[in-house]
Amino acid sequence: MTATPQLQVLPAPRHCPPGVPLPTHAQGREERARAVTPYVQDALAVDFTAEADEPSFAPRTPRAADLPDPRDWAAHIAQGLVEVMHGVRPPSQVMRWTHPEVYAVVARRGSRAARRRVAPGSAHRTRVIRVHLCEPAPHVIEASVVLVDGGRVRALALRLVARDRRWIVEALQVG
């Protein structure tokens, strides 16, 4: 049987990195005098001489090339809005594309319809048949959408306004 070697405990070596020489007060003043930019460490670089930035944060009216096709878009959003009003689709899915007043009306109708529905699978599919467009002003489209909703034919009138590269439903009338 061999004896295990005895462990030897040694103190850890003391190692201190070499210090960085700090500039004297006079050397710091000379460096500051040579500095070209008025930049200060840990300060937010803000140029107060620039123009006001209010226009850059305002909603922008996009070019017609930046917007999706209004006919296809009106058909898709009309179908989505009707599905929300039937309680089939959650209202949060159309929030980004509707004006707050339109969203409130659609969400309220959807919550009522969801409470009335007896069976979860009793929802019917909505199909868009026809879309008619009119442009009363630049970047404003008024659409009338004819759709089949279960066994009924219904009509929706939408007013679409261009904002930030998308169409927003500003007004909605259900017939």
N, C-alpha and C. Protein backbone atom coordinates (compact mmCIF):
# COMPACT_ATOMS: atom_id res chain seq x y z
N MET A 1 0.83 -1.16 0.00
CA MET A 1 0.00 0.00 0.00
C MET A 1 0.88 1.23 0.00
N THR A 2 0.60 2.13 -0.97
CA THR A 2 1.43 3.33 -1.07
C THR A 2 0.75 4.47 -0.33
N ALA A 3 1.53 5.28 0.22
CA ALA A 3 1.02 6.42 0.98
C ALA A 3 0.69 7.57 0.02
N THR A 4 -0.42 8.20 0.27
CA THR A 4 -0.78 9.35 -0.56
C THR A 4 0.08 10.54 -0.18
N PRO A 5 0.51 11.30 -1.17
CA PRO A 5 1.36 12.44 -0.83
C PRO A 5 0.58 13.49 -0.03
N GLN A 6 1.26 14.10 0.84
CA GLN A 6 0.69 15.12 1.70
C GLN A 6 0.42 16.38 0.87
N LEU A 7 -0.76 16.97 1.00
CA LEU A 7 -1.07 18.22 0.31
C LEU A 7 -0.33 19.35 0.99
N GLN A 8 0.19 20.21 0.15
CA GLN A 8 0.93 21.34 0.68
C GLN A 8 0.14 22.60 0.37
N VAL A 9 -0.18 23.38 1.35
CA VAL A 9 -0.95 24.60 1.18
C VAL A 9 0.02 25.76 1.14
N LEU A 10 -0.06 26.54 0.05
CA LEU A 10 0.81 27.70 -0.12
C LEU A 10 -0.06 28.95 -0.24
N PRO A 11 0.43 30.07 0.21
CA PRO A 11 -0.35 31.30 0.06
C PRO A 11 -0.41 31.71 -1.42
N ALA A 12 -1.52 32.34 -1.80
CA ALA A 12 -1.66 32.81 -3.18
C ALA A 12 -0.69 33.95 -3.42
N PRO A 13 -0.10 33.96 -4.61
CA PRO A 13 0.85 35.05 -4.87
C PRO A 13 0.12 36.38 -4.94
N ARG A 14 0.76 37.38 -4.47
CA ARG A 14 0.19 38.72 -4.51
C ARG A 14 0.61 39.36 -5.82
N HIS A 15 -0.40 39.65 -6.62
CA HIS A 15 -0.10 40.24 -7.92
C HIS A 15 -0.93 41.51 -8.06
N CYS A 16 -0.30 42.58 -8.23
CA CYS A 16 -0.97 43.86 -8.44
C CYS A 16 -0.57 44.36 -9.82
N PRO A 17 -1.55 44.67 -10.66
CA PRO A 17 -1.19 45.19 -11.98
C PRO A 17 -0.53 46.55 -11.82
N PRO A 18 0.31 46.87 -12.77
CA PRO A 18 0.96 48.18 -12.67
C PRO A 18 -0.08 49.28 -12.80
N GLY A 19 0.06 50.31 -12.05
CA GLY A 19 -0.89 51.41 -12.06
C GLY A 19 -0.76 52.26 -13.30
N VAL A 20 -1.81 52.94 -13.64
CA VAL A 20 -1.81 53.86 -14.76
C VAL A 20 -1.52 55.24 -14.20
N PRO A 21 -0.50 55.88 -14.73
CA PRO A 21 -0.19 57.21 -14.17
C PRO A 21 -1.29 58.21 -14.54
N LEU A 22 -1.79 58.91 -13.57
CA LEU A 22 -2.82 59.90 -13.80
C LEU A 22 -2.17 61.23 -14.16
N PRO A 23 -2.83 61.97 -15.04
CA PRO A 23 -2.23 63.26 -15.40
C PRO A 23 -2.33 64.23 -14.23
N THR A 24 -1.40 65.09 -14.18
CA THR A 24 -1.45 66.11 -13.13
C THR A 24 -2.49 67.15 -13.53
N HIS A 25 -2.77 68.03 -12.65
CA HIS A 25 -3.77 69.06 -12.89
C HIS A 25 -3.38 69.93 -14.09
N ALA A 26 -2.14 70.25 -14.20
CA ALA A 26 -1.66 71.10 -15.30
C ALA A 26 -1.73 70.35 -16.63
N GLN A 27 -1.41 69.05 -16.63
CA GLN A 27 -1.47 68.27 -17.87
C GLN A 27 -2.92 68.13 -18.34
N GLY A 28 -3.86 67.95 -17.42
CA GLY A 28 -5.26 67.83 -17.78
C GLY A 28 -5.79 69.12 -18.40
N ARG A 29 -5.35 70.27 -17.87
CA ARG A 29 -5.77 71.55 -18.42
C ARG A 29 -5.25 71.72 -19.84
N GLU A 30 -4.01 71.29 -20.09
CA GLU A 30 -3.44 71.38 -21.44
C GLU A 30 -4.21 70.50 -22.43
N GLU A 31 -4.58 69.29 -22.01
CA GLU A 31 -5.34 68.40 -22.90
C GLU A 31 -6.72 68.97 -23.21
N ARG A 32 -7.37 69.57 -22.21
CA ARG A 32 -8.67 70.17 -22.45
C ARG A 32 -8.56 71.37 -23.38
N ALA A 33 -7.49 72.11 -23.30
CA ALA A 33 -7.31 73.26 -24.18
C ALA A 33 -7.10 72.81 -25.62
N ARG A 34 -6.47 71.63 -25.82
CA ARG A 34 -6.22 71.12 -27.17
C ARG A 34 -7.46 70.44 -27.76
N ALA A 35 -8.43 70.11 -26.96
CA ALA A 35 -9.61 69.39 -27.44
C ALA A 35 -10.40 70.29 -28.40
N VAL A 36 -10.84 69.68 -29.50
CA VAL A 36 -11.56 70.43 -30.53
C VAL A 36 -13.07 70.40 -30.28
N THR A 37 -13.58 69.25 -29.89
CA THR A 37 -15.03 69.11 -29.72
C THR A 37 -15.44 69.43 -28.29
N PRO A 38 -16.62 70.01 -28.13
CA PRO A 38 -17.09 70.30 -26.77
C PRO A 38 -17.79 69.09 -26.14
N TYR A 39 -17.36 67.88 -26.50
CA TYR A 39 -17.97 66.66 -25.99
C TYR A 39 -17.52 66.42 -24.56
N VAL A 40 -18.46 66.05 -23.72
CA VAL A 40 -18.17 65.74 -22.33
C VAL A 40 -18.57 64.30 -22.10
N GLN A 41 -17.71 63.53 -21.48
CA GLN A 41 -17.98 62.12 -21.20
C GLN A 41 -19.25 61.99 -20.39
N ASP A 42 -20.09 60.99 -20.73
CA ASP A 42 -21.33 60.68 -20.03
C ASP A 42 -22.40 61.75 -20.19
N ALA A 43 -22.29 62.58 -21.18
CA ALA A 43 -23.33 63.57 -21.43
C ALA A 43 -24.04 63.18 -22.72
N LEU A 44 -25.32 63.45 -22.78
CA LEU A 44 -26.10 63.16 -23.97
C LEU A 44 -25.76 64.17 -25.05
N ALA A 45 -25.37 63.67 -26.21
CA ALA A 45 -24.98 64.54 -27.30
C ALA A 45 -26.23 65.05 -28.00
N VAL A 46 -26.63 66.26 -27.69
CA VAL A 46 -27.82 66.86 -28.28
C VAL A 46 -27.41 68.15 -28.96
N ASP A 47 -27.87 68.31 -30.19
CA ASP A 47 -27.58 69.53 -30.93
C ASP A 47 -28.81 70.41 -30.86
N PHE A 48 -28.76 71.46 -30.05
CA PHE A 48 -29.90 72.34 -29.89
C PHE A 48 -30.00 73.37 -31.00
N THR A 49 -29.02 73.40 -31.89
CA THR A 49 -29.05 74.37 -32.99
C THR A 49 -29.82 73.83 -34.18
N ALA A 50 -30.19 72.54 -34.18
CA ALA A 50 -30.91 71.95 -35.31
C ALA A 50 -32.36 72.43 -35.31
N GLU A 51 -33.06 72.18 -36.43
CA GLU A 51 -34.46 72.57 -36.52
C GLU A 51 -35.29 71.76 -35.53
N ALA A 52 -36.48 72.24 -35.26
CA ALA A 52 -37.39 71.52 -34.36
C ALA A 52 -37.74 70.17 -34.97
N ASP A 53 -37.82 69.14 -34.14
CA ASP A 53 -38.07 67.79 -34.64
C ASP A 53 -39.54 67.40 -34.58
N GLU A 54 -40.44 68.35 -34.40
CA GLU A 54 -41.86 68.03 -34.36
C GLU A 54 -42.37 67.41 -35.66
N PRO A 55 -42.00 67.94 -36.83
CA PRO A 55 -42.52 67.32 -38.06
C PRO A 55 -42.08 65.87 -38.24
N SER A 56 -40.92 65.50 -37.73
CA SER A 56 -40.46 64.13 -37.93
C SER A 56 -41.24 63.13 -37.07
N PHE A 57 -41.91 63.58 -36.02
CA PHE A 57 -42.68 62.67 -35.18
C PHE A 57 -44.16 62.71 -35.49
N ALA A 58 -44.60 63.61 -36.34
CA ALA A 58 -46.01 63.69 -36.70
C ALA A 58 -46.35 62.56 -37.66
N PRO A 59 -47.61 62.12 -37.69
CA PRO A 59 -47.99 61.08 -38.66
C PRO A 59 -47.75 61.58 -40.08
N ARG A 60 -47.11 60.76 -40.88
CA ARG A 60 -46.77 61.16 -42.24
C ARG A 60 -47.77 60.58 -43.23
N THR A 61 -48.11 61.38 -44.21
CA THR A 61 -48.95 60.91 -45.30
C THR A 61 -48.04 60.25 -46.32
N PRO A 62 -48.20 58.97 -46.56
CA PRO A 62 -47.27 58.26 -47.45
C PRO A 62 -47.56 58.51 -48.92
N ARG A 63 -46.61 58.16 -49.75
CA ARG A 63 -46.81 58.20 -51.20
C ARG A 63 -47.73 57.04 -51.58
N ALA A 64 -48.37 57.17 -52.72
CA ALA A 64 -49.29 56.12 -53.17
C ALA A 64 -48.56 54.80 -53.41
N ALA A 65 -47.28 54.87 -53.80
CA ALA A 65 -46.52 53.64 -54.06
C ALA A 65 -46.21 52.89 -52.75
N ASP A 66 -46.21 53.59 -51.62
CA ASP A 66 -45.92 52.94 -50.34
C ASP A 66 -47.12 52.22 -49.75
N LEU A 67 -48.31 52.49 -50.26
CA LEU A 67 -49.54 51.92 -49.69
C LEU A 67 -49.92 50.62 -50.38
N PRO A 68 -50.56 49.71 -49.65
CA PRO A 68 -51.06 48.49 -50.29
C PRO A 68 -52.24 48.82 -51.22
N ASP A 69 -52.57 47.89 -52.09
CA ASP A 69 -53.68 48.06 -53.01
C ASP A 69 -54.97 48.25 -52.20
N PRO A 70 -55.68 49.37 -52.38
CA PRO A 70 -56.86 49.61 -51.54
C PRO A 70 -58.00 48.62 -51.77
N ARG A 71 -58.13 48.08 -52.98
CA ARG A 71 -59.22 47.13 -53.24
C ARG A 71 -59.00 45.84 -52.44
N ASP A 72 -57.81 45.27 -52.53
CA ASP A 72 -57.51 44.05 -51.76
C ASP A 72 -57.56 44.31 -50.26
N TRP A 73 -57.02 45.45 -49.87
CA TRP A 73 -56.96 45.76 -48.45
C TRP A 73 -58.36 45.96 -47.87
N ALA A 74 -59.22 46.64 -48.61
CA ALA A 74 -60.60 46.85 -48.13
C ALA A 74 -61.33 45.52 -47.98
N ALA A 75 -61.09 44.60 -48.92
CA ALA A 75 -61.74 43.27 -48.83
C ALA A 75 -61.26 42.53 -47.59
N HIS A 76 -59.95 42.55 -47.34
CA HIS A 76 -59.40 41.82 -46.18
C HIS A 76 -59.86 42.43 -44.86
N ILE A 77 -59.80 43.76 -44.76
CA ILE A 77 -60.17 44.37 -43.48
C ILE A 77 -61.68 44.27 -43.25
N ALA A 78 -62.48 44.32 -44.31
CA ALA A 78 -63.94 44.16 -44.14
C ALA A 78 -64.27 42.78 -43.60
N GLN A 79 -63.63 41.77 -44.16
CA GLN A 79 -63.86 40.41 -43.67
C GLN A 79 -63.41 40.28 -42.22
N GLY A 80 -62.26 40.85 -41.88
CA GLY A 80 -61.77 40.80 -40.50
C GLY A 80 -62.69 41.53 -39.54
N LEU A 81 -63.19 42.70 -39.95
CA LEU A 81 -64.08 43.46 -39.08
C LEU A 81 -65.39 42.71 -38.83
N VAL A 82 -65.94 42.07 -39.86
CA VAL A 82 -67.18 41.31 -39.67
C VAL A 82 -66.93 40.11 -38.76
N GLU A 83 -65.79 39.46 -38.91
CA GLU A 83 -65.47 38.33 -38.03
C GLU A 83 -65.30 38.78 -36.58
N VAL A 84 -64.72 39.97 -36.37
CA VAL A 84 -64.62 40.50 -35.01
C VAL A 84 -66.01 40.80 -34.46
N MET A 85 -66.87 41.38 -35.30
CA MET A 85 -68.22 41.71 -34.84
C MET A 85 -69.06 40.46 -34.54
N HIS A 86 -68.71 39.33 -35.14
CA HIS A 86 -69.39 38.06 -34.83
C HIS A 86 -68.78 37.36 -33.63
N GLY A 87 -67.68 37.86 -33.11
CA GLY A 87 -67.04 37.24 -31.96
C GLY A 87 -66.15 36.07 -32.32
N VAL A 88 -65.85 35.90 -33.61
CA VAL A 88 -65.01 34.80 -34.07
C VAL A 88 -63.53 35.14 -33.93
N ARG A 89 -63.21 36.40 -34.14
CA ARG A 89 -61.82 36.87 -34.14
C ARG A 89 -61.66 37.85 -32.99
N PRO A 90 -60.51 37.84 -32.29
CA PRO A 90 -60.32 38.81 -31.20
C PRO A 90 -60.16 40.23 -31.75
N PRO A 91 -60.73 41.22 -31.08
CA PRO A 91 -60.67 42.59 -31.59
C PRO A 91 -59.26 43.16 -31.65
N SER A 92 -58.35 42.64 -30.88
CA SER A 92 -56.98 43.18 -30.90
C SER A 92 -56.32 43.00 -32.26
N GLN A 93 -56.81 42.08 -33.08
CA GLN A 93 -56.21 41.86 -34.39
C GLN A 93 -56.49 43.00 -35.36
N VAL A 94 -57.51 43.80 -35.12
CA VAL A 94 -57.81 44.91 -36.03
C VAL A 94 -57.51 46.27 -35.40
N MET A 95 -56.95 46.28 -34.21
CA MET A 95 -56.70 47.53 -33.49
C MET A 95 -55.78 48.46 -34.27
N ARG A 96 -54.74 47.91 -34.86
CA ARG A 96 -53.74 48.74 -35.54
C ARG A 96 -54.30 49.40 -36.79
N TRP A 97 -55.33 48.84 -37.39
CA TRP A 97 -55.85 49.33 -38.66
C TRP A 97 -57.17 50.06 -38.52
N THR A 98 -57.59 50.38 -37.30
CA THR A 98 -58.85 51.08 -37.10
C THR A 98 -58.65 52.31 -36.23
N HIS A 99 -59.47 53.30 -36.47
CA HIS A 99 -59.51 54.50 -35.63
C HIS A 99 -60.07 54.08 -34.27
N PRO A 100 -59.67 54.72 -33.17
CA PRO A 100 -60.16 54.29 -31.85
C PRO A 100 -61.68 54.22 -31.72
N GLU A 101 -62.40 55.15 -32.35
CA GLU A 101 -63.87 55.10 -32.26
C GLU A 101 -64.43 53.88 -32.99
N VAL A 102 -63.87 53.58 -34.16
CA VAL A 102 -64.32 52.41 -34.92
C VAL A 102 -63.98 51.14 -34.14
N TYR A 103 -62.79 51.10 -33.57
CA TYR A 103 -62.37 49.93 -32.81
C TYR A 103 -63.32 49.69 -31.62
N ALA A 104 -63.71 50.76 -30.94
CA ALA A 104 -64.60 50.60 -29.77
C ALA A 104 -65.94 50.00 -30.18
N VAL A 105 -66.50 50.47 -31.30
CA VAL A 105 -67.78 49.95 -31.76
C VAL A 105 -67.67 48.49 -32.17
N VAL A 106 -66.62 48.16 -32.92
CA VAL A 106 -66.44 46.79 -33.40
C VAL A 106 -66.19 45.84 -32.24
N ALA A 107 -65.35 46.25 -31.29
CA ALA A 107 -65.05 45.40 -30.14
C ALA A 107 -66.29 45.17 -29.28
N ARG A 108 -67.10 46.22 -29.10
CA ARG A 108 -68.31 46.08 -28.29
C ARG A 108 -69.30 45.11 -28.96
N ARG A 109 -69.47 45.23 -30.27
CA ARG A 109 -70.37 44.30 -30.97
C ARG A 109 -69.84 42.87 -30.92
N GLY A 110 -68.52 42.73 -31.00
CA GLY A 110 -67.91 41.40 -30.93
C GLY A 110 -68.09 40.74 -29.58
N SER A 111 -67.96 41.53 -28.51
CA SER A 111 -68.11 40.93 -27.18
C SER A 111 -69.56 40.51 -26.94
N ARG A 112 -70.53 41.29 -27.46
CA ARG A 112 -71.94 40.90 -27.33
C ARG A 112 -72.22 39.62 -28.11
N ALA A 113 -71.69 39.54 -29.33
CA ALA A 113 -71.92 38.35 -30.16
C ALA A 113 -71.27 37.12 -29.55
N ALA A 114 -70.11 37.27 -28.96
CA ALA A 114 -69.43 36.12 -28.35
C ALA A 114 -70.21 35.60 -27.15
N ARG A 115 -70.85 36.49 -26.41
CA ARG A 115 -71.66 36.05 -25.26
C ARG A 115 -72.94 35.35 -25.72
N ARG A 116 -73.51 35.78 -26.87
CA ARG A 116 -74.75 35.18 -27.37
C ARG A 116 -74.53 33.82 -28.00
N ARG A 117 -73.35 33.58 -28.55
CA ARG A 117 -73.11 32.34 -29.27
C ARG A 117 -73.18 31.17 -28.31
N VAL A 118 -73.95 30.14 -28.69
CA VAL A 118 -74.17 28.99 -27.81
C VAL A 118 -73.04 27.98 -27.98
N ALA A 119 -72.82 27.51 -29.19
CA ALA A 119 -71.79 26.50 -29.44
C ALA A 119 -70.54 27.17 -29.99
N PRO A 120 -69.35 26.71 -29.54
CA PRO A 120 -68.13 27.35 -30.03
C PRO A 120 -67.91 27.19 -31.53
N GLY A 121 -68.41 26.13 -32.15
CA GLY A 121 -68.19 25.92 -33.57
C GLY A 121 -69.33 26.44 -34.43
N SER A 122 -70.24 27.24 -33.86
CA SER A 122 -71.40 27.70 -34.60
C SER A 122 -71.12 28.90 -35.48
N ALA A 123 -69.91 29.38 -35.54
CA ALA A 123 -69.59 30.55 -36.36
C ALA A 123 -69.58 30.19 -37.83
N HIS A 124 -69.98 31.11 -38.66
CA HIS A 124 -69.98 30.87 -40.09
C HIS A 124 -68.93 31.75 -40.76
N ARG A 125 -68.51 31.33 -41.91
CA ARG A 125 -67.45 32.03 -42.64
C ARG A 125 -68.07 33.16 -43.46
N THR A 126 -67.38 34.27 -43.50
CA THR A 126 -67.81 35.43 -44.26
C THR A 126 -66.99 35.47 -45.55
N ARG A 127 -67.68 35.72 -46.69
CA ARG A 127 -67.00 35.81 -47.98
C ARG A 127 -67.26 37.16 -48.61
N VAL A 128 -66.22 37.81 -49.09
CA VAL A 128 -66.37 39.08 -49.79
C VAL A 128 -66.70 38.79 -51.24
N ILE A 129 -67.77 39.40 -51.76
CA ILE A 129 -68.18 39.20 -53.15
C ILE A 129 -67.63 40.31 -54.04
N ARG A 130 -67.79 41.57 -53.61
CA ARG A 130 -67.46 42.68 -54.48
C ARG A 130 -66.98 43.87 -53.65
N VAL A 131 -66.06 44.66 -54.23
CA VAL A 131 -65.57 45.88 -53.59
C VAL A 131 -65.64 47.01 -54.60
N HIS A 132 -66.26 48.11 -54.22
CA HIS A 132 -66.33 49.32 -55.05
C HIS A 132 -65.55 50.42 -54.35
N LEU A 133 -64.72 51.16 -55.09
CA LEU A 133 -63.88 52.20 -54.51
C LEU A 133 -64.21 53.56 -55.08
N CYS A 134 -63.97 54.58 -54.27
CA CYS A 134 -64.12 55.97 -54.67
C CYS A 134 -63.03 56.75 -53.93
N GLU A 135 -62.38 57.70 -54.61
CA GLU A 135 -61.33 58.50 -53.97
C GLU A 135 -61.78 59.96 -53.92
N PRO A 136 -62.43 60.38 -52.81
CA PRO A 136 -62.93 61.75 -52.73
C PRO A 136 -61.84 62.79 -52.51
N ALA A 137 -60.71 62.39 -51.98
CA ALA A 137 -59.58 63.30 -51.73
C ALA A 137 -58.29 62.49 -51.84
N PRO A 138 -57.17 63.17 -52.00
CA PRO A 138 -55.90 62.42 -52.03
C PRO A 138 -55.69 61.68 -50.71
N HIS A 139 -55.26 60.44 -50.81
CA HIS A 139 -54.97 59.58 -49.66
C HIS A 139 -56.21 59.26 -48.83
N VAL A 140 -57.39 59.36 -49.44
CA VAL A 140 -58.64 58.97 -48.78
C VAL A 140 -59.41 58.10 -49.76
N ILE A 141 -59.81 56.92 -49.30
CA ILE A 141 -60.58 55.98 -50.12
C ILE A 141 -61.87 55.66 -49.39
N GLU A 142 -62.97 55.72 -50.12
CA GLU A 142 -64.24 55.26 -49.57
C GLU A 142 -64.59 53.97 -50.31
N ALA A 143 -64.82 52.91 -49.55
CA ALA A 143 -65.07 51.59 -50.14
C ALA A 143 -66.42 51.08 -49.69
N SER A 144 -67.13 50.50 -50.62
CA SER A 144 -68.35 49.77 -50.27
C SER A 144 -68.07 48.30 -50.58
N VAL A 145 -68.26 47.46 -49.58
CA VAL A 145 -67.92 46.05 -49.68
C VAL A 145 -69.20 45.24 -49.55
N VAL A 146 -69.45 44.38 -50.53
CA VAL A 146 -70.60 43.49 -50.50
C VAL A 146 -70.08 42.12 -50.11
N LEU A 147 -70.70 41.51 -49.10
CA LEU A 147 -70.22 40.21 -48.62
C LEU A 147 -71.38 39.30 -48.25
N VAL A 148 -71.11 38.01 -48.28
CA VAL A 148 -72.07 37.00 -47.86
C VAL A 148 -71.72 36.62 -46.43
N ASP A 149 -72.69 36.79 -45.56
CA ASP A 149 -72.47 36.56 -44.13
C ASP A 149 -73.47 35.48 -43.71
N GLY A 150 -73.04 34.22 -43.73
CA GLY A 150 -73.96 33.13 -43.46
C GLY A 150 -74.90 33.00 -44.65
N GLY A 151 -76.19 33.17 -44.43
CA GLY A 151 -77.16 33.12 -45.52
C GLY A 151 -77.58 34.50 -45.98
N ARG A 152 -77.00 35.56 -45.44
CA ARG A 152 -77.40 36.93 -45.75
C ARG A 152 -76.35 37.63 -46.61
N VAL A 153 -76.81 38.53 -47.43
CA VAL A 153 -75.90 39.41 -48.17
C VAL A 153 -75.89 40.74 -47.43
N ARG A 154 -74.70 41.21 -47.10
CA ARG A 154 -74.56 42.44 -46.32
C ARG A 154 -73.67 43.42 -47.06
N ALA A 155 -73.71 44.66 -46.64
CA ALA A 155 -72.86 45.71 -47.21
C ALA A 155 -72.17 46.45 -46.09
N LEU A 156 -70.91 46.80 -46.32
CA LEU A 156 -70.13 47.60 -45.39
C LEU A 156 -69.63 48.82 -46.15
N ALA A 157 -69.70 49.96 -45.52
CA ALA A 157 -69.11 51.18 -46.09
C ALA A 157 -67.93 51.55 -45.20
N LEU A 158 -66.77 51.70 -45.81
CA LEU A 158 -65.54 52.01 -45.08
C LEU A 158 -64.93 53.30 -45.60
N ARG A 159 -64.40 54.10 -44.73
CA ARG A 159 -63.60 55.26 -45.13
C ARG A 159 -62.18 54.96 -44.69
N LEU A 160 -61.28 54.84 -45.66
CA LEU A 160 -59.88 54.51 -45.41
C LEU A 160 -59.03 55.76 -45.59
N VAL A 161 -58.16 56.01 -44.63
CA VAL A 161 -57.26 57.17 -44.69
C VAL A 161 -55.83 56.64 -44.61
N ALA A 162 -54.96 57.19 -45.47
CA ALA A 162 -53.56 56.74 -45.50
C ALA A 162 -52.78 57.41 -44.38
N ARG A 163 -52.13 56.58 -43.56
CA ARG A 163 -51.26 57.08 -42.49
C ARG A 163 -50.12 56.11 -42.27
N ASP A 164 -48.91 56.64 -42.24
CA ASP A 164 -47.72 55.84 -41.92
C ASP A 164 -47.65 54.54 -42.73
N ARG A 165 -47.78 54.64 -44.03
CA ARG A 165 -47.66 53.52 -44.97
C ARG A 165 -48.71 52.44 -44.80
N ARG A 166 -49.87 52.80 -44.29
CA ARG A 166 -50.95 51.82 -44.17
C ARG A 166 -52.28 52.54 -44.25
N TRP A 167 -53.34 51.78 -44.50
CA TRP A 167 -54.68 52.31 -44.53
C TRP A 167 -55.30 52.15 -43.15
N ILE A 168 -55.97 53.19 -42.67
CA ILE A 168 -56.65 53.18 -41.37
C ILE A 168 -58.14 53.32 -41.63
N VAL A 169 -58.96 52.47 -41.01
CA VAL A 169 -60.41 52.58 -41.14
C VAL A 169 -60.87 53.68 -40.20
N GLU A 170 -61.27 54.80 -40.80
CA GLU A 170 -61.67 55.96 -40.01
C GLU A 170 -63.17 55.99 -39.74
N ALA A 171 -63.94 55.38 -40.63
CA ALA A 171 -65.40 55.33 -40.44
C ALA A 171 -65.90 53.99 -40.97
N LEU A 172 -66.96 53.49 -40.33
CA LEU A 172 -67.52 52.20 -40.70
C LEU A 172 -69.04 52.27 -40.56
N GLN A 173 -69.73 51.81 -41.60
CA GLN A 173 -71.19 51.72 -41.55
C GLN A 173 -71.55 50.30 -42.00
N VAL A 174 -72.32 49.60 -41.18
CA VAL A 174 -72.73 48.23 -41.49
C VAL A 174 -74.18 48.25 -41.92
N GLY A 175 -74.46 47.61 -43.08
CA GLY A 175 -75.84 47.57 -43.58
C GLY A 175 -76.35 46.15 -43.67
